[in-house]
Protein backbone atom coordinates (compact mmCIF):
# COMPACT_ATOMS: atom_id res chain seq x y z
CA MET A 1 64.63 -112.96 38.01
CA PRO A 2 68.01 -113.54 36.57
CA PRO A 3 71.01 -111.63 37.93
CA VAL A 4 71.47 -108.21 36.02
CA LEU A 5 75.05 -108.09 37.13
CA ASP A 6 77.14 -111.24 38.17
CA LEU A 7 80.88 -109.84 38.18
CA THR A 8 83.72 -111.86 39.94
CA LEU A 9 86.97 -109.87 40.45
CA THR A 10 90.29 -112.13 40.99
CA PRO A 11 93.76 -110.85 41.73
CA ASN A 12 96.30 -110.75 38.68
CA ARG A 13 99.00 -113.31 38.90
CA SER A 14 101.63 -112.58 36.00
CA PHE A 15 103.70 -115.87 36.87
CA ASP A 16 102.13 -119.05 36.29
CA ARG A 17 102.16 -121.35 39.03
CA ARG A 18 103.56 -124.30 37.11
CA HIS A 19 106.81 -122.45 36.55
CA MET A 20 107.70 -121.86 39.99
CA PRO A 21 109.66 -125.25 40.68
CA TRP A 22 111.66 -124.40 37.46
CA VAL A 23 112.54 -120.82 38.59
CA VAL A 24 113.43 -122.04 42.10
CA GLY A 25 115.35 -124.89 40.68
CA GLY A 26 117.21 -122.72 38.68
CA VAL A 27 118.31 -120.44 41.17
CA GLY A 28 119.22 -123.12 43.63
CA LEU A 29 121.32 -124.90 40.98
CA LEU A 30 122.97 -121.40 40.33
CA PHE A 31 123.42 -120.97 43.96
CA PHE A 32 124.75 -124.69 44.45
CA LEU A 33 127.45 -123.78 41.62
CA GLY A 34 128.24 -120.75 43.28
CA GLY A 35 128.40 -122.37 46.72
CA LEU A 36 131.07 -125.01 45.46
CA ARG A 37 133.16 -122.20 44.32
CA PHE A 38 132.77 -120.47 47.76
CA LEU A 39 133.64 -123.95 49.17
CA ALA A 40 136.78 -124.23 47.40
CA LEU A 41 137.78 -120.94 48.52
CA GLY A 42 137.34 -121.85 51.96
CA ALA A 43 134.25 -119.21 52.43
CA TRP A 44 131.95 -122.02 53.69
CA PRO A 45 129.86 -119.57 56.17
CA ILE A 46 128.27 -118.20 52.98
CA LEU A 47 126.53 -121.57 52.09
CA PRO A 48 123.79 -121.38 54.80
CA PHE A 49 122.86 -117.98 53.58
CA MET A 50 122.76 -119.10 50.17
CA ALA A 51 120.35 -122.00 51.02
CA LEU A 52 118.38 -119.50 53.19
CA ASP A 53 117.75 -117.42 50.15
CA VAL A 54 116.45 -120.12 48.11
CA GLY A 55 114.05 -121.21 50.71
CA LEU A 56 112.90 -117.53 50.90
CA LEU A 57 112.29 -117.40 47.38
CA TRP A 58 110.09 -120.58 47.41
CA TRP A 59 108.39 -119.31 50.48
CA ALA A 60 107.60 -115.85 48.59
CA PHE A 61 106.12 -117.64 45.69
CA ARG A 62 103.86 -119.80 48.11
CA ALA A 63 102.76 -116.81 49.80
CA SER A 64 101.89 -115.09 46.55
CA TYR A 65 99.88 -117.86 45.30
CA ALA A 66 98.21 -118.16 48.43
CA SER A 67 96.95 -114.50 48.78
CA GLY A 68 95.76 -114.87 44.88
CA LYS A 69 92.93 -117.10 46.22
CA GLY A 70 90.88 -114.31 47.58
CA HIS A 71 88.29 -112.68 45.10
CA GLU A 72 85.24 -110.42 45.32
CA ARG A 73 81.80 -111.22 43.68
CA LEU A 74 79.36 -108.25 42.81
CA LEU A 75 75.75 -109.52 42.11
CA LEU A 76 72.71 -107.35 41.33
CA ALA A 77 69.52 -109.31 41.56
CA ASP A 78 66.22 -109.08 43.06
CA ASP A 79 66.40 -105.42 43.95
CA HIS A 80 69.57 -106.04 45.69
CA LEU A 81 73.16 -105.52 45.08
CA GLU A 82 75.78 -107.56 47.08
CA LEU A 83 79.37 -107.33 47.42
CA LEU A 84 80.75 -110.64 48.58
CA ARG A 85 84.48 -110.43 49.60
CA VAL A 86 86.37 -113.84 50.08
CA SER A 87 89.76 -113.48 51.87
CA ALA A 88 92.70 -115.66 50.94
CA GLN A 89 92.00 -117.75 54.09
CA GLY A 90 88.36 -118.30 52.84
CA ALA A 91 86.61 -115.99 55.30
CA GLU A 92 83.49 -114.37 53.53
CA ARG A 93 82.06 -110.85 54.14
CA ARG A 94 78.93 -109.73 52.50
CA PHE A 95 77.95 -106.10 51.98
CA GLY A 96 74.37 -105.42 50.68
CA PHE A 97 73.33 -102.17 49.07
CA GLU A 98 69.71 -101.09 47.81
CA PRO A 99 70.64 -100.34 44.13
CA TYR A 100 68.72 -97.13 43.90
CA TRP A 101 70.72 -95.53 46.47
CA THR A 102 74.02 -97.04 45.40
CA ARG A 103 76.68 -94.68 44.03
CA VAL A 104 80.01 -95.50 42.34
CA HIS A 105 83.10 -93.09 43.31
CA LEU A 106 86.24 -93.22 41.77
CA GLU A 107 89.12 -91.23 43.60
CA GLU A 108 92.05 -90.32 41.76
CA THR A 109 95.28 -89.95 44.25
CA ALA A 110 98.02 -87.58 43.65
CA LEU A 111 100.38 -90.47 42.63
CA GLY A 112 97.99 -91.61 39.84
CA ASP A 113 96.47 -94.52 41.78
CA VAL A 114 92.46 -94.88 41.41
CA LYS A 115 90.33 -96.10 44.30
CA LEU A 116 87.09 -97.46 43.68
CA TRP A 117 83.97 -97.26 46.37
CA LEU A 118 80.54 -98.28 46.31
CA ALA A 119 78.66 -95.90 48.62
CA ALA A 120 74.86 -95.79 49.70
CA ARG A 121 73.88 -93.53 52.76
CA GLU A 122 76.49 -93.75 55.50
CA ARG A 123 78.13 -96.86 54.18
CA ARG A 124 81.19 -96.89 51.96
CA VAL A 125 83.18 -100.06 50.70
CA SER A 126 85.88 -100.14 48.51
CA VAL A 127 85.90 -102.74 45.50
CA GLY A 128 88.81 -104.47 43.83
CA ARG A 129 91.70 -102.98 45.98
CA PHE A 130 94.05 -105.81 44.08
CA LEU A 131 93.12 -104.43 40.67
CA SER A 132 95.26 -102.07 38.55
CA PRO A 133 94.14 -98.58 38.11
CA ARG A 134 92.67 -99.11 34.55
CA GLU A 135 90.90 -102.12 35.72
CA ARG A 136 89.58 -100.24 38.64
CA ARG A 137 88.27 -97.65 36.31
CA GLU A 138 86.95 -100.25 34.00
CA VAL A 139 85.13 -101.89 36.56
CA GLY A 140 83.68 -98.60 37.81
CA ALA A 141 82.25 -97.82 34.48
CA LEU A 142 80.76 -101.24 34.15
CA ILE A 143 79.00 -100.92 37.68
CA THR A 144 77.84 -97.22 36.98
CA ALA A 145 76.37 -98.30 33.57
CA VAL A 146 74.74 -101.10 35.04
CA LEU A 147 73.04 -99.33 37.90
CA ALA A 148 72.00 -96.60 35.54
CA ASP A 149 70.05 -99.39 33.20
CA TYR A 150 68.81 -100.82 36.42
CA ARG A 151 67.34 -97.77 37.60
CA ALA A 152 65.99 -96.65 34.23
CA GLY A 153 64.06 -99.93 34.02
CA ASN A 154 62.50 -99.86 37.27
CA PRO A 155 60.25 -97.27 38.92
CA SER A 156 61.56 -95.56 42.08
CA THR A 157 59.63 -95.85 44.94
CA SER A 158 60.12 -92.23 45.91
CA SER A 159 58.04 -91.25 42.70
CA ILE A 160 54.92 -93.13 43.94
CA VAL A 161 52.29 -90.73 45.20
C-alpha cells in the first residue's frame, strides 16, 4: 500500500548560504577600514575586538546553517503513523502512532504562538517546533484532514462485533 501521507518538515533559512561569504567579507572590509582609522588615531587596542566580531559573525552563520540540517518526517502507511525526527547532528528518533487513536492538538499561547502536538493515549509529541505559527496551523490542518480521510476509508476495529 502506498503512503497516505509523506510529509517532510524542514527549518526555514531566510538567508542563502551562498551569500554568507559576501556579508562576512563586507563586514570585515568595513571593520578593516574603520580599524585603519583607529590605528591612525592610536587606538590600536580596538582592532582585536573588531577582528573578534567578524569571527563571531562567521561562527554565527555557520551555527545557523548547521542547525538547519535537522528535519522531521511524517509518514502514514500500512496502518501506522510514524514521526521521524532527525537532529542537526544526524541523530534519529522515531515515534510510532496508531492512526485511529491519534489526534492533532493545536495550543494557542497568550503571546500568539501556536504549538502543534500529536497525541495518542498517554503519549504526546510536539511537531514542527522550528516552523512559524502559521505553518504549524497549516500542517496541523493537513494532518487532521489526512487522519480523518484515513479513518473514513478504513473500518475501525472497535466496530467489529
